[in-house]
Amino acid sequence: MPVRAFVLVQTKPGTSEEIVKARHIRGVKMANSVFGRFDAVVVIETKNLEELSKIIYEMVEKTPNVVKTETLISLFYPPE
């Protein structure tokens, strides 16, 4: 079953643009810098949870300025 997740990312000050570059990673549908408690929001769509965890790990591993992430997995995946 497909999985859609919203990953909230907190980075060191001034480095959220590094996360926005994650939109080039397969499975990442959108990545934006935001104002608020978190510095960026990333939308990921994958085939399963295992693939989701690999994408999040790859994104965080390539961005050493990530301080914290929180992943919100969508309960309802609307049909296209």
N, C-alpha and C. Protein backbone atom coordinates (compact mmCIF):
# COMPACT_ATOMS: atom_id res chain seq x y z
N MET A 1 0.83 -1.18 0.00
CA MET A 1 0.00 0.00 0.00
C MET A 1 0.88 1.25 0.00
N PRO A 2 0.61 2.22 -0.85
CA PRO A 2 1.44 3.44 -0.90
C PRO A 2 1.39 4.20 0.42
N VAL A 3 2.47 4.92 0.68
CA VAL A 3 2.60 5.70 1.91
C VAL A 3 2.91 7.14 1.53
N ARG A 4 2.21 8.07 2.16
CA ARG A 4 2.53 9.50 2.02
C ARG A 4 2.91 10.00 3.40
N ALA A 5 4.03 10.72 3.49
CA ALA A 5 4.49 11.23 4.77
C ALA A 5 4.92 12.68 4.64
N PHE A 6 4.72 13.40 5.72
CA PHE A 6 5.16 14.79 5.82
C PHE A 6 6.28 14.79 6.86
N VAL A 7 7.48 15.18 6.45
CA VAL A 7 8.62 15.18 7.35
C VAL A 7 8.92 16.62 7.72
N LEU A 8 8.80 16.91 9.01
CA LEU A 8 9.10 18.24 9.54
C LEU A 8 10.56 18.23 9.97
N VAL A 9 11.31 19.22 9.51
CA VAL A 9 12.75 19.21 9.73
C VAL A 9 13.20 20.49 10.44
N GLN A 10 13.96 20.32 11.51
CA GLN A 10 14.58 21.45 12.19
C GLN A 10 16.07 21.40 11.86
N THR A 11 16.61 22.54 11.41
CA THR A 11 18.02 22.60 11.02
C THR A 11 18.75 23.65 11.85
N LYS A 12 20.07 23.64 11.74
CA LYS A 12 20.85 24.72 12.34
C LYS A 12 20.47 26.00 11.60
N PRO A 13 20.52 27.16 12.28
CA PRO A 13 20.09 28.41 11.67
C PRO A 13 20.74 28.67 10.31
N GLY A 14 19.90 29.08 9.35
CA GLY A 14 20.38 29.45 8.03
C GLY A 14 20.71 28.32 7.09
N THR A 15 20.34 27.09 7.43
CA THR A 15 20.73 25.96 6.58
C THR A 15 19.55 25.18 6.00
N SER A 16 18.34 25.71 6.10
CA SER A 16 17.17 24.95 5.63
C SER A 16 17.18 24.73 4.13
N GLU A 17 17.88 25.56 3.38
CA GLU A 17 17.94 25.37 1.93
C GLU A 17 18.59 24.04 1.56
N GLU A 18 19.43 23.50 2.43
CA GLU A 18 20.03 22.19 2.17
C GLU A 18 18.96 21.12 2.09
N ILE A 19 17.93 21.25 2.91
CA ILE A 19 16.82 20.29 2.89
C ILE A 19 15.99 20.46 1.62
N VAL A 20 15.81 21.70 1.19
CA VAL A 20 15.03 21.95 -0.02
C VAL A 20 15.67 21.25 -1.22
N LYS A 21 16.97 21.11 -1.21
CA LYS A 21 17.67 20.40 -2.29
C LYS A 21 17.34 18.90 -2.29
N ALA A 22 16.74 18.41 -1.20
CA ALA A 22 16.37 16.99 -1.11
C ALA A 22 15.28 16.64 -2.11
N ARG A 23 14.65 17.63 -2.73
CA ARG A 23 13.58 17.31 -3.69
C ARG A 23 14.12 16.54 -4.89
N HIS A 24 15.44 16.43 -5.00
CA HIS A 24 16.04 15.65 -6.08
C HIS A 24 16.14 14.16 -5.72
N ILE A 25 15.85 13.82 -4.49
CA ILE A 25 15.87 12.42 -4.05
C ILE A 25 14.59 11.74 -4.53
N ARG A 26 14.72 10.54 -5.09
CA ARG A 26 13.55 9.80 -5.57
C ARG A 26 12.56 9.59 -4.44
N GLY A 27 11.31 9.88 -4.69
CA GLY A 27 10.26 9.72 -3.69
C GLY A 27 9.87 11.03 -3.02
N VAL A 28 10.75 12.02 -3.07
CA VAL A 28 10.44 13.32 -2.48
C VAL A 28 9.61 14.10 -3.49
N LYS A 29 8.39 14.44 -3.12
CA LYS A 29 7.47 15.14 -4.02
C LYS A 29 7.55 16.65 -3.87
N MET A 30 7.88 17.11 -2.67
CA MET A 30 7.95 18.54 -2.42
C MET A 30 8.84 18.78 -1.21
N ALA A 31 9.59 19.86 -1.24
CA ALA A 31 10.42 20.25 -0.10
C ALA A 31 10.46 21.78 -0.06
N ASN A 32 10.05 22.35 1.07
CA ASN A 32 9.98 23.80 1.20
C ASN A 32 10.53 24.26 2.53
N SER A 33 11.20 25.40 2.52
CA SER A 33 11.56 26.08 3.77
C SER A 33 10.29 26.72 4.30
N VAL A 34 10.14 26.76 5.62
CA VAL A 34 8.95 27.34 6.25
C VAL A 34 9.35 28.13 7.48
N PHE A 35 8.42 28.99 7.92
CA PHE A 35 8.60 29.71 9.18
C PHE A 35 7.87 28.93 10.27
N GLY A 36 8.37 29.00 11.50
CA GLY A 36 7.71 28.33 12.62
C GLY A 36 8.67 27.49 13.41
N ARG A 37 8.13 26.53 14.12
CA ARG A 37 8.93 25.66 14.99
C ARG A 37 9.91 24.82 14.19
N PHE A 38 9.52 24.46 12.95
CA PHE A 38 10.40 23.70 12.07
C PHE A 38 10.87 24.60 10.94
N ASP A 39 11.95 24.21 10.28
CA ASP A 39 12.55 25.04 9.24
C ASP A 39 12.21 24.59 7.84
N ALA A 40 11.78 23.34 7.69
CA ALA A 40 11.44 22.82 6.38
C ALA A 40 10.40 21.72 6.51
N VAL A 41 9.63 21.54 5.43
CA VAL A 41 8.65 20.46 5.35
C VAL A 41 8.92 19.71 4.05
N VAL A 42 8.99 18.39 4.15
CA VAL A 42 9.25 17.54 2.99
C VAL A 42 8.09 16.55 2.85
N VAL A 43 7.54 16.45 1.64
CA VAL A 43 6.47 15.49 1.37
C VAL A 43 7.08 14.33 0.59
N ILE A 44 6.89 13.12 1.10
CA ILE A 44 7.47 11.92 0.50
C ILE A 44 6.36 10.93 0.19
N GLU A 45 6.41 10.33 -0.99
CA GLU A 45 5.47 9.27 -1.35
C GLU A 45 6.28 8.05 -1.77
N THR A 46 5.98 6.90 -1.13
CA THR A 46 6.71 5.67 -1.39
C THR A 46 5.75 4.49 -1.49
N LYS A 47 6.32 3.34 -1.84
CA LYS A 47 5.53 2.11 -1.93
C LYS A 47 5.22 1.52 -0.56
N ASN A 48 6.16 1.71 0.40
CA ASN A 48 5.98 1.09 1.71
C ASN A 48 6.81 1.82 2.76
N LEU A 49 6.65 1.42 4.02
CA LEU A 49 7.35 2.08 5.12
C LEU A 49 8.85 1.87 5.07
N GLU A 50 9.29 0.72 4.58
CA GLU A 50 10.72 0.45 4.49
C GLU A 50 11.40 1.44 3.54
N GLU A 51 10.77 1.68 2.40
CA GLU A 51 11.31 2.64 1.44
C GLU A 51 11.28 4.06 2.02
N LEU A 52 10.24 4.38 2.77
CA LEU A 52 10.14 5.68 3.41
C LEU A 52 11.31 5.91 4.37
N SER A 53 11.60 4.92 5.19
CA SER A 53 12.70 5.07 6.15
C SER A 53 14.04 5.23 5.45
N LYS A 54 14.23 4.55 4.33
CA LYS A 54 15.48 4.70 3.58
C LYS A 54 15.62 6.11 3.02
N ILE A 55 14.54 6.67 2.51
CA ILE A 55 14.59 8.02 1.94
C ILE A 55 14.87 9.04 3.04
N ILE A 56 14.21 8.91 4.18
CA ILE A 56 14.45 9.85 5.29
C ILE A 56 15.89 9.74 5.76
N TYR A 57 16.40 8.52 5.90
CA TYR A 57 17.78 8.33 6.33
C TYR A 57 18.74 8.97 5.33
N GLU A 58 18.50 8.76 4.03
CA GLU A 58 19.36 9.35 3.00
C GLU A 58 19.32 10.87 3.06
N MET A 59 18.15 11.43 3.24
CA MET A 59 18.00 12.88 3.30
C MET A 59 18.75 13.46 4.49
N VAL A 60 18.61 12.84 5.65
CA VAL A 60 19.27 13.33 6.86
C VAL A 60 20.77 13.09 6.79
N GLU A 61 21.17 11.94 6.27
CA GLU A 61 22.60 11.62 6.17
C GLU A 61 23.34 12.63 5.28
N LYS A 62 22.69 13.07 4.20
CA LYS A 62 23.33 14.01 3.28
C LYS A 62 23.30 15.45 3.79
N THR A 63 22.60 15.69 4.88
CA THR A 63 22.45 17.05 5.42
C THR A 63 22.89 17.06 6.87
N PRO A 64 24.17 17.33 7.12
CA PRO A 64 24.68 17.27 8.50
C PRO A 64 24.11 18.35 9.42
N ASN A 65 23.45 19.36 8.87
CA ASN A 65 22.91 20.44 9.69
C ASN A 65 21.51 20.17 10.22
N VAL A 66 20.99 18.96 9.99
CA VAL A 66 19.68 18.59 10.54
C VAL A 66 19.82 18.38 12.04
N VAL A 67 18.97 19.04 12.81
CA VAL A 67 18.98 18.92 14.26
C VAL A 67 17.94 17.90 14.72
N LYS A 68 16.75 17.94 14.06
CA LYS A 68 15.64 17.10 14.50
C LYS A 68 14.67 16.90 13.35
N THR A 69 14.04 15.72 13.30
CA THR A 69 12.96 15.49 12.33
C THR A 69 11.77 14.90 13.06
N GLU A 70 10.60 15.14 12.50
CA GLU A 70 9.37 14.53 12.98
C GLU A 70 8.60 14.10 11.74
N THR A 71 8.25 12.82 11.68
CA THR A 71 7.57 12.28 10.50
C THR A 71 6.11 12.03 10.80
N LEU A 72 5.25 12.60 9.94
CA LEU A 72 3.82 12.43 10.06
C LEU A 72 3.36 11.58 8.89
N ILE A 73 2.87 10.38 9.17
CA ILE A 73 2.43 9.47 8.11
C ILE A 73 0.93 9.68 7.91
N SER A 74 0.56 9.92 6.67
CA SER A 74 -0.83 10.21 6.34
C SER A 74 -1.71 8.99 6.59
N LEU A 75 -2.87 9.20 7.21
CA LEU A 75 -3.81 8.11 7.46
C LEU A 75 -4.64 7.79 6.23
N PHE A 76 -4.88 8.78 5.40
CA PHE A 76 -5.71 8.59 4.23
C PHE A 76 -4.90 8.98 2.99
N TYR A 77 -4.76 8.05 2.09
CA TYR A 77 -4.02 8.31 0.85
C TYR A 77 -5.05 8.45 -0.26
N PRO A 78 -5.37 9.68 -0.66
CA PRO A 78 -6.42 9.86 -1.66
C PRO A 78 -6.03 9.31 -3.04
N PRO A 79 -6.99 8.77 -3.76
CA PRO A 79 -6.68 8.27 -5.12
C PRO A 79 -6.33 9.43 -6.04
N GLU A 80 -5.46 9.16 -6.99
CA GLU A 80 -5.04 10.19 -7.94
C GLU A 80 -6.09 10.42 -8.97
